[in-house]
Amino acid sequence: MSDVRERLKSARRIVVKVGTSTLTYGEHGNSKLNLYRIEHLVRELSDLHNAGREIILVTSGAIAAGIGKLGLSEKPKTIPENQALAAIGQGVLMHIYEKFFAEYGQTMAQLLLTKDTAADEHARENSRNSLKTLLKMGVIPVINENDAVSTDEIRIGDNDNLSAMVAEMINAEVLIILSDIDGLYDGNPKVDANAKLIHEVAEITPEIESMAGGAGTKLGIGGMFTKIQAAKIAAKNGIIMLIVNGQEVGNLRRALNGEEIGTIFYNA
């Protein structure tokens, strides 16, 4: 077991990002929310919070929730349509998070951020103060990119980068990205049976960057490329980042227990 994984056991402030593919039945070709996974994720986060950890959740899934709510067979192609779906789905998604967190005795708060928030010094400071105050109050912040007004996430799946920016903003120790893949491979495991999982990345080299593929499922939009971008932001700020398969219940706890799952990024 790597020494850096040992540090995960004592990390107190943790940002967890969950992708659309984990929150929905996207692997079966539909955008209905996977309540089993969502409830187990909320239960794990709640239990970690009970154990004294500070938890911030960055969630995707608003557009997919909107698609499911309207019963659409596929994702629309225009940005205005996707913005409208995000506006519909945001309420659906937050209602489910609120219900599950309440069942496990937790109070959550919703925040909608954009990349512009991180870029604007005044807005950034306000967001940081709000987040830190919520954490002091024992609240679990649930953050999403404001897709109803922002086009970044719709275009390139930028919640990976958003989660890294949030982690840097509040001085988190760890960022965990829950995805539909076990981690970073040296090839595409969906087409190459010999592709090997890379367990540790101490430096993001051009070779590592070249391993990043394109988009994932038809419902999710962020591929490995945006995750590598997030890892660069995290590493630059001394934050440990992991990519872990979020479709397997219990992987979040296993990762924070220091088990060798997923891919861990850090500055050596």
Protein backbone atom coordinates (compact mmCIF):
# COMPACT_ATOMS: atom_id res chain seq x y z
CA MET A 1 0.00 0.00 0.00
CA SER A 2 1.36 3.43 -0.95
CA ASP A 3 2.20 5.95 1.78
CA VAL A 4 0.03 8.50 0.04
CA ARG A 5 -2.97 6.19 0.37
CA GLU A 6 -2.30 6.00 4.10
CA ARG A 7 -2.88 9.75 4.24
CA LEU A 8 -6.44 9.23 3.00
CA LYS A 9 -7.38 7.59 6.28
CA SER A 10 -6.83 10.80 8.25
CA ALA A 11 -8.03 13.32 5.64
CA ARG A 12 -10.69 15.56 7.15
CA ARG A 13 -11.98 17.81 4.34
CA ILE A 14 -13.03 15.83 1.30
CA VAL A 15 -14.67 16.82 -2.00
CA VAL A 16 -16.55 14.03 -3.78
CA LYS A 17 -17.62 14.48 -7.40
CA VAL A 18 -20.19 12.11 -8.86
CA GLY A 19 -20.84 11.82 -12.58
CA THR A 20 -24.04 11.37 -14.53
CA SER A 21 -23.14 7.79 -15.45
CA THR A 22 -23.03 6.86 -11.76
CA LEU A 23 -26.32 8.58 -10.93
CA THR A 24 -28.37 7.09 -13.76
CA TYR A 25 -29.00 3.85 -15.61
CA GLY A 26 -26.94 5.21 -18.48
CA GLU A 27 -25.19 1.88 -19.01
CA HIS A 28 -28.63 0.51 -19.91
CA GLY A 29 -29.29 3.36 -22.30
CA ASN A 30 -31.74 5.40 -20.25
CA SER A 31 -31.52 8.50 -18.07
CA LYS A 32 -33.71 7.38 -15.19
CA LEU A 33 -32.04 8.06 -11.85
CA ASN A 34 -30.45 5.05 -10.17
CA LEU A 35 -31.96 5.46 -6.71
CA TYR A 36 -30.07 2.46 -5.34
CA ARG A 37 -26.69 4.04 -6.09
CA ILE A 38 -27.77 7.52 -4.99
CA GLU A 39 -29.07 6.27 -1.66
CA HIS A 40 -25.92 4.24 -0.99
CA LEU A 41 -23.74 7.21 -1.93
CA VAL A 42 -25.69 9.49 0.43
CA ARG A 43 -25.46 6.87 3.18
CA GLU A 44 -21.68 6.62 2.77
CA LEU A 45 -21.29 10.41 2.75
CA SER A 46 -23.52 10.72 5.81
CA ASP A 47 -21.55 8.09 7.69
CA LEU A 48 -18.25 9.75 6.80
CA HIS A 49 -19.71 13.00 8.07
CA ASN A 50 -20.76 11.29 11.31
CA ALA A 51 -17.16 10.09 11.69
CA GLY A 52 -15.95 13.69 11.76
CA ARG A 53 -15.09 14.31 8.12
CA GLU A 54 -16.13 17.46 6.29
CA ILE A 55 -17.88 16.46 3.08
CA ILE A 56 -18.62 18.53 -0.03
CA LEU A 57 -20.49 16.83 -2.88
CA VAL A 58 -20.16 18.09 -6.47
CA THR A 59 -22.85 16.44 -8.54
CA SER A 60 -23.66 16.13 -12.21
CA GLY A 61 -26.95 14.72 -13.46
CA ALA A 62 -29.32 17.71 -13.73
CA ILE A 63 -29.75 17.39 -17.49
CA ALA A 64 -30.19 13.62 -17.27
CA ALA A 65 -32.78 14.08 -14.52
CA GLY A 66 -34.62 16.52 -16.76
CA ILE A 67 -34.56 14.03 -19.63
CA GLY A 68 -35.96 11.35 -17.35
CA LYS A 69 -38.63 13.69 -15.96
CA LEU A 70 -39.92 14.51 -19.44
CA GLY A 71 -39.57 10.93 -20.64
CA LEU A 72 -37.37 11.85 -23.61
CA SER A 73 -35.70 9.02 -25.49
CA GLU A 74 -32.47 10.90 -26.13
CA LYS A 75 -30.58 14.01 -25.17
CA PRO A 76 -31.42 17.11 -27.26
CA LYS A 77 -28.65 18.62 -29.33
CA THR A 78 -29.15 22.35 -28.76
CA ILE A 79 -27.78 24.28 -25.80
CA PRO A 80 -31.09 26.08 -25.00
CA GLU A 81 -32.90 22.73 -24.83
CA ASN A 82 -30.25 21.32 -22.51
CA GLN A 83 -30.36 24.45 -20.35
CA ALA A 84 -34.12 24.03 -20.04
CA LEU A 85 -33.68 20.37 -19.10
CA ALA A 86 -31.11 21.37 -16.47
CA ALA A 87 -33.59 23.82 -14.96
CA ILE A 88 -36.19 21.03 -14.76
CA GLY A 89 -33.80 18.35 -13.57
CA GLN A 90 -32.01 20.42 -10.93
CA GLY A 91 -35.10 20.47 -8.76
CA VAL A 92 -35.69 16.75 -9.26
CA LEU A 93 -32.11 15.89 -8.34
CA MET A 94 -31.99 18.12 -5.27
CA HIS A 95 -35.34 16.80 -4.02
CA ILE A 96 -33.91 13.26 -4.06
CA TYR A 97 -30.67 14.31 -2.36
CA GLU A 98 -32.63 16.23 0.28
CA LYS A 99 -34.87 13.22 0.95
CA PHE A 100 -32.01 10.75 1.33
CA PHE A 101 -29.77 13.06 3.38
CA ALA A 102 -32.69 13.81 5.72
CA GLU A 103 -33.33 10.09 6.17
CA TYR A 104 -29.74 9.73 7.40
CA GLY A 105 -30.01 12.72 9.73
CA GLN A 106 -28.02 15.19 7.65
CA THR A 107 -28.69 18.75 6.56
CA MET A 108 -27.63 19.63 3.02
CA ALA A 109 -27.42 22.93 1.16
CA GLN A 110 -27.52 23.47 -2.58
CA LEU A 111 -25.04 25.77 -4.31
CA LEU A 112 -24.98 26.52 -8.03
CA LEU A 113 -21.57 27.66 -9.26
CA THR A 114 -19.88 28.32 -12.59
CA LYS A 115 -16.26 28.53 -13.67
CA ASP A 116 -16.70 32.31 -13.74
CA THR A 117 -17.23 32.17 -9.97
CA ALA A 118 -13.72 30.82 -9.51
CA ALA A 119 -12.28 33.36 -11.94
CA ASP A 120 -13.88 36.42 -10.32
CA GLU A 121 -12.04 37.33 -7.11
CA HIS A 122 -15.07 38.83 -5.37
CA ALA A 123 -17.44 36.00 -6.29
CA ARG A 124 -14.79 33.44 -5.39
CA GLU A 125 -14.33 34.91 -1.91
CA ASN A 126 -18.08 34.99 -1.33
CA SER A 127 -18.38 31.34 -2.41
CA ARG A 128 -15.47 30.31 -0.19
CA ASN A 129 -16.97 32.08 2.83
CA SER A 130 -20.37 30.50 2.19
CA LEU A 131 -18.89 27.00 1.89
CA LYS A 132 -16.71 27.32 4.97
CA THR A 133 -19.64 28.67 6.99
CA LEU A 134 -21.82 25.74 5.92
CA LEU A 135 -19.08 23.30 6.94
CA LYS A 136 -18.78 24.99 10.34
CA MET A 137 -22.53 24.54 10.74
CA GLY A 138 -22.18 20.82 10.08
CA VAL A 139 -24.00 21.06 6.75
CA ILE A 140 -23.11 19.03 3.64
CA PRO A 141 -22.91 21.37 0.62
CA VAL A 142 -24.17 19.89 -2.65
CA ILE A 143 -22.77 21.78 -5.64
CA ASN A 144 -23.54 21.69 -9.33
CA GLU A 145 -22.54 23.87 -12.23
CA ASN A 146 -25.40 26.22 -13.01
CA ASP A 147 -26.25 24.54 -16.31
CA ALA A 148 -29.41 26.61 -16.78
CA VAL A 149 -27.26 29.68 -17.44
CA SER A 150 -23.78 28.26 -18.10
CA THR A 151 -22.81 26.41 -21.28
CA ASP A 152 -19.42 25.05 -20.17
CA GLU A 153 -20.67 21.85 -18.57
CA ILE A 154 -23.14 21.26 -21.41
CA ARG A 155 -20.37 21.59 -23.96
CA ILE A 156 -17.45 19.79 -22.36
CA GLY A 157 -18.54 18.16 -19.12
CA ASP A 158 -16.77 20.59 -16.88
CA ASN A 159 -17.97 19.38 -13.48
CA ASP A 160 -14.64 17.54 -13.15
CA ASN A 161 -12.80 20.85 -13.36
CA LEU A 162 -15.41 22.52 -11.17
CA SER A 163 -14.82 19.94 -8.43
CA ALA A 164 -11.08 20.61 -8.53
CA MET A 165 -11.70 24.35 -8.34
CA VAL A 166 -13.99 23.84 -5.35
CA ALA A 167 -11.37 21.63 -3.67
CA GLU A 168 -8.71 24.31 -4.17
CA MET A 169 -11.08 27.08 -3.06
CA ILE A 170 -11.78 25.52 0.34
CA ASN A 171 -8.36 23.92 0.92
CA ALA A 172 -9.62 20.34 0.73
CA GLU A 173 -7.15 17.55 1.35
CA VAL A 174 -8.71 15.04 -1.01
CA LEU A 175 -10.81 15.08 -4.20
CA ILE A 176 -12.50 11.83 -5.21
CA ILE A 177 -14.10 11.59 -8.65
CA LEU A 178 -16.64 8.78 -8.90
CA SER A 179 -16.88 7.67 -12.52
CA ASP A 180 -18.08 4.75 -14.65
CA ILE A 181 -14.53 3.41 -15.04
CA ASP A 182 -12.06 1.95 -12.53
CA GLY A 183 -9.48 4.68 -13.12
CA LEU A 184 -6.88 5.72 -15.69
CA TYR A 185 -5.80 2.95 -18.05
CA ASP A 186 -2.85 2.85 -20.42
CA GLY A 187 -5.37 2.08 -23.18
CA ASN A 188 -9.11 2.03 -23.71
CA PRO A 189 -10.38 -0.92 -21.64
CA LYS A 190 -13.65 -0.94 -23.57
CA VAL A 191 -11.86 -1.97 -26.75
CA ASP A 192 -8.47 -3.24 -25.52
CA ALA A 193 -8.57 -6.33 -23.31
CA ASN A 194 -4.87 -5.82 -22.48
CA ALA A 195 -5.31 -2.27 -21.16
CA LYS A 196 -3.84 -1.99 -17.66
CA LEU A 197 -5.08 0.15 -14.80
CA ILE A 198 -2.54 2.72 -13.59
CA HIS A 199 -2.80 2.77 -9.80
CA GLU A 200 -0.61 5.80 -9.05
CA VAL A 201 0.38 8.96 -10.92
CA ALA A 202 2.99 11.09 -9.16
CA GLU A 203 3.45 13.43 -12.15
CA ILE A 204 1.11 14.26 -15.01
CA THR A 205 3.37 13.97 -18.03
CA PRO A 206 2.45 14.43 -21.70
CA GLU A 207 2.31 10.63 -21.89
CA ILE A 208 -0.28 10.52 -19.10
CA GLU A 209 -2.28 13.27 -20.82
CA SER A 210 -2.23 11.35 -24.09
CA MET A 211 -3.94 8.41 -22.38
CA ALA A 212 -7.04 10.52 -21.75
CA GLY A 213 -9.86 9.62 -24.10
CA GLY A 214 -12.99 11.48 -25.21
CA ALA A 215 -16.51 11.50 -23.85
CA GLY A 216 -17.93 8.55 -21.96
CA THR A 217 -21.54 7.40 -22.11
CA LYS A 218 -24.17 9.13 -24.22
CA LEU A 219 -25.68 10.71 -21.08
CA GLY A 220 -22.39 11.74 -19.46
CA ILE A 221 -20.25 14.27 -21.27
CA GLY A 222 -17.02 14.39 -19.36
CA GLY A 223 -14.40 11.84 -20.38
CA MET A 224 -10.97 11.11 -18.97
CA PHE A 225 -9.63 14.32 -20.53
CA THR A 226 -11.44 16.59 -18.06
CA LYS A 227 -10.47 14.30 -15.18
CA ILE A 228 -6.78 14.71 -16.06
CA GLN A 229 -7.32 18.47 -16.18
CA ALA A 230 -8.87 18.29 -12.71
CA ALA A 231 -5.94 16.19 -11.48
CA LYS A 232 -3.51 18.88 -12.68
CA ILE A 233 -5.39 21.56 -10.72
CA ALA A 234 -5.48 19.34 -7.65
CA ALA A 235 -1.81 18.34 -7.79
CA LYS A 236 -0.74 21.95 -8.28
CA ASN A 237 -2.50 22.81 -5.02
CA GLY A 238 -1.24 19.85 -3.01
CA ILE A 239 -4.58 18.02 -3.13
CA ILE A 240 -4.68 14.24 -3.50
CA MET A 241 -7.11 13.20 -6.23
CA LEU A 242 -8.55 9.78 -7.00
CA ILE A 243 -10.62 8.42 -9.86
CA VAL A 244 -12.75 5.56 -8.56
CA ASN A 245 -15.53 3.46 -10.06
CA GLY A 246 -18.69 4.92 -8.54
CA GLN A 247 -20.95 2.21 -9.91
CA GLU A 248 -19.68 -0.24 -7.29
CA VAL A 249 -21.28 0.46 -3.94
CA GLY A 250 -18.72 0.88 -1.16
CA ASN A 251 -15.80 2.05 -3.30
CA LEU A 252 -15.79 5.49 -1.72
CA ARG A 253 -15.24 4.04 1.74
CA ARG A 254 -12.67 1.58 0.40
CA ALA A 255 -10.72 4.42 -1.20
CA LEU A 256 -10.71 6.47 2.00
CA ASN A 257 -9.59 3.40 3.93
CA GLY A 258 -6.45 3.40 1.81
CA GLU A 259 -7.23 0.35 -0.31
CA GLU A 260 -5.51 0.18 -3.68
CA ILE A 261 -8.47 0.86 -5.91
CA GLY A 262 -8.80 3.41 -8.69
CA THR A 263 -6.05 5.78 -9.75
CA ILE A 264 -4.50 8.19 -7.27
CA PHE A 265 -2.84 11.44 -8.41
CA TYR A 266 -0.44 13.38 -6.17
CA ASN A 267 2.73 15.40 -6.14
CA ALA A 268 5.65 13.18 -5.21
